[in-house]
Amino acid sequence: MPGANTAAETDAVIRSVELTDDEIVARLSDGRTIAVPLAWSWRLSDATAGQRQNFRLIGGGQGVHWPDIDEDISLHGMLHGSPAPRPG
């Protein structure tokens, strides 16, 4: 339907992030919690626990950056994305 909004369209931003053994979990400003498989990021999957815990929110909460492994994940990517391809 033209002009229809979808549930994935949002003005929300990431407020906090937690990494489990299997997931990247983001809590959003609108109260939602979203999670994607950790395996979506091969860099995070291969990273040490310390590297995974060293992150900061970027773009006013539009994404997350892990400086030790040069990885960025956007909220848009978490909502609409797919796994990052491993370089071959």
N, C-alpha and C. Protein backbone atom coordinates (compact mmCIF):
# COMPACT_ATOMS: atom_id res chain seq x y z
N MET A 1 0.84 -1.18 0.00
CA MET A 1 0.00 0.00 0.00
C MET A 1 0.88 1.24 0.00
N PRO A 2 0.70 2.13 -0.91
CA PRO A 2 1.50 3.36 -0.90
C PRO A 2 1.23 4.16 0.36
N GLY A 3 2.32 4.66 0.93
CA GLY A 3 2.21 5.50 2.11
C GLY A 3 2.02 4.74 3.42
N ALA A 4 1.91 3.42 3.33
CA ALA A 4 1.72 2.64 4.55
C ALA A 4 3.04 2.53 5.30
N ASN A 5 2.94 2.57 6.60
CA ASN A 5 4.12 2.39 7.44
C ASN A 5 4.29 0.92 7.75
N THR A 6 5.52 0.50 7.92
CA THR A 6 5.78 -0.86 8.34
C THR A 6 6.34 -0.84 9.74
N ALA A 7 6.30 -1.97 10.40
CA ALA A 7 6.80 -2.05 11.77
C ALA A 7 8.29 -1.77 11.84
N ALA A 8 9.01 -1.98 10.75
CA ALA A 8 10.46 -1.79 10.77
C ALA A 8 10.87 -0.33 10.61
N GLU A 9 9.95 0.52 10.13
CA GLU A 9 10.27 1.94 10.01
C GLU A 9 10.17 2.57 11.39
N THR A 10 11.21 3.29 11.78
CA THR A 10 11.22 3.80 13.15
C THR A 10 12.11 5.02 13.27
N ASP A 11 11.80 5.83 14.25
CA ASP A 11 12.67 6.93 14.62
C ASP A 11 13.47 6.56 15.86
N ALA A 12 13.33 5.32 16.30
CA ALA A 12 14.02 4.85 17.49
C ALA A 12 15.52 4.79 17.25
N VAL A 13 16.27 4.85 18.33
CA VAL A 13 17.72 4.71 18.29
C VAL A 13 18.13 3.66 19.32
N ILE A 14 19.34 3.15 19.15
CA ILE A 14 19.87 2.18 20.09
C ILE A 14 20.26 2.91 21.37
N ARG A 15 19.81 2.39 22.50
CA ARG A 15 20.16 2.94 23.81
C ARG A 15 21.23 2.11 24.52
N SER A 16 21.20 0.79 24.29
CA SER A 16 22.21 -0.07 24.90
C SER A 16 22.37 -1.32 24.06
N VAL A 17 23.52 -1.97 24.23
CA VAL A 17 23.84 -3.18 23.49
C VAL A 17 24.41 -4.21 24.46
N GLU A 18 24.07 -5.45 24.24
CA GLU A 18 24.63 -6.56 25.00
C GLU A 18 24.95 -7.67 24.02
N LEU A 19 26.08 -8.31 24.21
CA LEU A 19 26.43 -9.46 23.39
C LEU A 19 26.38 -10.70 24.26
N THR A 20 25.65 -11.71 23.78
CA THR A 20 25.63 -13.00 24.44
C THR A 20 26.55 -13.93 23.64
N ASP A 21 26.59 -15.18 24.01
CA ASP A 21 27.39 -16.13 23.25
C ASP A 21 26.84 -16.34 21.84
N ASP A 22 25.56 -16.01 21.64
CA ASP A 22 24.90 -16.29 20.36
C ASP A 22 24.27 -15.09 19.67
N GLU A 23 24.09 -13.97 20.39
CA GLU A 23 23.31 -12.87 19.82
C GLU A 23 23.92 -11.50 20.13
N ILE A 24 23.55 -10.55 19.26
CA ILE A 24 23.77 -9.13 19.50
C ILE A 24 22.39 -8.58 19.86
N VAL A 25 22.24 -8.07 21.06
CA VAL A 25 20.95 -7.62 21.57
C VAL A 25 21.00 -6.11 21.75
N ALA A 26 20.06 -5.41 21.12
CA ALA A 26 19.99 -3.95 21.23
C ALA A 26 18.66 -3.55 21.85
N ARG A 27 18.75 -2.64 22.82
CA ARG A 27 17.55 -2.07 23.42
C ARG A 27 17.35 -0.69 22.81
N LEU A 28 16.15 -0.45 22.31
CA LEU A 28 15.86 0.77 21.57
C LEU A 28 15.13 1.79 22.41
N SER A 29 15.20 3.03 21.98
CA SER A 29 14.59 4.14 22.71
C SER A 29 13.07 4.04 22.76
N ASP A 30 12.46 3.26 21.86
CA ASP A 30 11.00 3.13 21.88
C ASP A 30 10.52 1.95 22.72
N GLY A 31 11.46 1.31 23.45
CA GLY A 31 11.09 0.22 24.34
C GLY A 31 11.29 -1.17 23.76
N ARG A 32 11.53 -1.27 22.46
CA ARG A 32 11.74 -2.58 21.86
C ARG A 32 13.14 -3.10 22.18
N THR A 33 13.25 -4.41 22.17
CA THR A 33 14.54 -5.10 22.24
C THR A 33 14.62 -5.96 20.99
N ILE A 34 15.70 -5.81 20.24
CA ILE A 34 15.88 -6.61 19.03
C ILE A 34 17.18 -7.39 19.16
N ALA A 35 17.23 -8.53 18.51
CA ALA A 35 18.43 -9.36 18.55
C ALA A 35 18.67 -9.96 17.18
N VAL A 36 19.94 -10.06 16.83
CA VAL A 36 20.35 -10.76 15.62
C VAL A 36 21.42 -11.76 16.00
N PRO A 37 21.58 -12.82 15.21
CA PRO A 37 22.61 -13.80 15.54
C PRO A 37 24.01 -13.19 15.53
N LEU A 38 24.82 -13.55 16.49
CA LEU A 38 26.20 -13.10 16.53
C LEU A 38 26.92 -13.50 15.24
N ALA A 39 26.54 -14.62 14.68
CA ALA A 39 27.16 -15.12 13.45
C ALA A 39 26.94 -14.18 12.26
N TRP A 40 26.02 -13.22 12.36
CA TRP A 40 25.83 -12.23 11.29
C TRP A 40 27.08 -11.39 11.11
N SER A 41 27.91 -11.30 12.13
CA SER A 41 29.17 -10.57 12.04
C SER A 41 30.32 -11.54 12.26
N TRP A 42 30.98 -11.93 11.20
CA TRP A 42 32.11 -12.86 11.36
C TRP A 42 33.22 -12.23 12.19
N ARG A 43 33.37 -10.89 12.10
CA ARG A 43 34.40 -10.24 12.92
C ARG A 43 34.09 -10.40 14.41
N LEU A 44 32.83 -10.20 14.78
CA LEU A 44 32.46 -10.37 16.18
C LEU A 44 32.52 -11.84 16.59
N SER A 45 32.13 -12.72 15.71
CA SER A 45 32.20 -14.15 16.01
C SER A 45 33.63 -14.59 16.28
N ASP A 46 34.58 -14.01 15.54
CA ASP A 46 35.99 -14.37 15.70
C ASP A 46 36.69 -13.58 16.81
N ALA A 47 36.05 -12.55 17.33
CA ALA A 47 36.69 -11.66 18.32
C ALA A 47 36.76 -12.31 19.69
N THR A 48 37.69 -11.81 20.50
CA THR A 48 37.77 -12.24 21.89
C THR A 48 36.64 -11.59 22.69
N ALA A 49 36.41 -12.10 23.88
CA ALA A 49 35.38 -11.52 24.75
C ALA A 49 35.70 -10.06 25.04
N GLY A 50 36.97 -9.75 25.28
CA GLY A 50 37.36 -8.36 25.54
C GLY A 50 37.11 -7.45 24.36
N GLN A 51 37.41 -7.94 23.16
CA GLN A 51 37.16 -7.13 21.96
C GLN A 51 35.67 -6.91 21.76
N ARG A 52 34.86 -7.91 22.05
CA ARG A 52 33.41 -7.78 21.90
C ARG A 52 32.83 -6.76 22.87
N GLN A 53 33.41 -6.65 24.05
CA GLN A 53 32.89 -5.73 25.07
C GLN A 53 33.35 -4.30 24.88
N ASN A 54 34.33 -4.07 24.02
CA ASN A 54 34.83 -2.71 23.76
C ASN A 54 34.10 -2.13 22.56
N PHE A 55 32.97 -1.48 22.82
CA PHE A 55 32.19 -0.88 21.74
C PHE A 55 31.64 0.46 22.20
N ARG A 56 31.16 1.23 21.22
CA ARG A 56 30.49 2.49 21.53
C ARG A 56 29.38 2.71 20.53
N LEU A 57 28.36 3.42 20.98
CA LEU A 57 27.27 3.80 20.07
C LEU A 57 27.75 4.92 19.18
N ILE A 58 27.34 4.89 17.93
CA ILE A 58 27.73 5.93 16.97
C ILE A 58 26.48 6.49 16.29
N GLY A 59 26.64 7.66 15.69
CA GLY A 59 25.54 8.27 14.95
C GLY A 59 24.32 8.55 15.80
N GLY A 60 24.55 8.95 17.05
CA GLY A 60 23.41 9.24 17.92
C GLY A 60 22.55 8.03 18.21
N GLY A 61 23.15 6.84 18.17
CA GLY A 61 22.41 5.61 18.43
C GLY A 61 21.94 4.90 17.17
N GLN A 62 22.42 5.36 16.01
CA GLN A 62 22.06 4.70 14.76
C GLN A 62 22.89 3.45 14.49
N GLY A 63 23.97 3.27 15.27
CA GLY A 63 24.82 2.10 15.06
C GLY A 63 25.74 1.87 16.24
N VAL A 64 26.54 0.81 16.10
CA VAL A 64 27.50 0.40 17.12
C VAL A 64 28.85 0.19 16.43
N HIS A 65 29.92 0.64 17.09
CA HIS A 65 31.27 0.48 16.55
C HIS A 65 32.14 -0.27 17.55
N TRP A 66 32.88 -1.27 17.05
CA TRP A 66 33.86 -2.02 17.82
C TRP A 66 35.24 -1.66 17.27
N PRO A 67 35.97 -0.75 17.93
CA PRO A 67 37.24 -0.25 17.38
C PRO A 67 38.33 -1.31 17.30
N ASP A 68 38.36 -2.26 18.22
CA ASP A 68 39.43 -3.26 18.21
C ASP A 68 39.41 -4.15 16.98
N ILE A 69 38.22 -4.32 16.40
CA ILE A 69 38.10 -5.20 15.23
C ILE A 69 37.56 -4.46 14.01
N ASP A 70 37.44 -3.13 14.12
CA ASP A 70 36.96 -2.28 13.03
C ASP A 70 35.64 -2.78 12.45
N GLU A 71 34.67 -3.00 13.34
CA GLU A 71 33.35 -3.48 12.94
C GLU A 71 32.29 -2.45 13.29
N ASP A 72 31.37 -2.24 12.37
CA ASP A 72 30.22 -1.37 12.58
C ASP A 72 28.96 -2.14 12.23
N ILE A 73 27.94 -2.00 13.06
CA ILE A 73 26.63 -2.56 12.78
C ILE A 73 25.62 -1.46 12.98
N SER A 74 24.76 -1.26 11.98
CA SER A 74 23.76 -0.20 12.08
C SER A 74 22.43 -0.77 12.56
N LEU A 75 21.63 0.10 13.14
CA LEU A 75 20.27 -0.27 13.53
C LEU A 75 19.51 -0.72 12.29
N HIS A 76 19.65 0.01 11.19
CA HIS A 76 18.99 -0.36 9.95
C HIS A 76 19.39 -1.78 9.54
N GLY A 77 20.68 -2.08 9.64
CA GLY A 77 21.15 -3.41 9.29
C GLY A 77 20.57 -4.49 10.19
N MET A 78 20.42 -4.17 11.47
CA MET A 78 19.83 -5.14 12.39
C MET A 78 18.36 -5.37 12.06
N LEU A 79 17.66 -4.33 11.65
CA LEU A 79 16.24 -4.45 11.34
C LEU A 79 15.99 -5.07 9.96
N HIS A 80 16.86 -4.77 8.98
CA HIS A 80 16.61 -5.16 7.60
C HIS A 80 17.67 -6.05 6.99
N GLY A 81 18.77 -6.24 7.70
CA GLY A 81 19.96 -6.81 7.10
C GLY A 81 20.01 -8.31 7.00
N SER A 82 21.20 -8.73 6.69
CA SER A 82 21.52 -10.14 6.55
C SER A 82 22.97 -10.32 6.98
N PRO A 83 23.41 -11.53 7.12
CA PRO A 83 24.79 -11.76 7.57
C PRO A 83 25.82 -11.08 6.66
N ALA A 84 26.88 -10.59 7.27
CA ALA A 84 27.98 -10.00 6.51
C ALA A 84 28.79 -11.12 5.87
N PRO A 85 29.06 -11.01 4.57
CA PRO A 85 29.85 -12.07 3.92
C PRO A 85 31.29 -12.05 4.40
N ARG A 86 31.83 -13.22 4.64
CA ARG A 86 33.25 -13.35 5.00
C ARG A 86 34.06 -13.21 3.72
N PRO A 87 35.13 -12.38 3.77
CA PRO A 87 35.93 -12.24 2.56
C PRO A 87 36.54 -13.59 2.14
N GLY A 88 36.58 -13.78 0.86
CA GLY A 88 37.04 -15.06 0.38
C GLY A 88 38.35 -14.98 -0.23
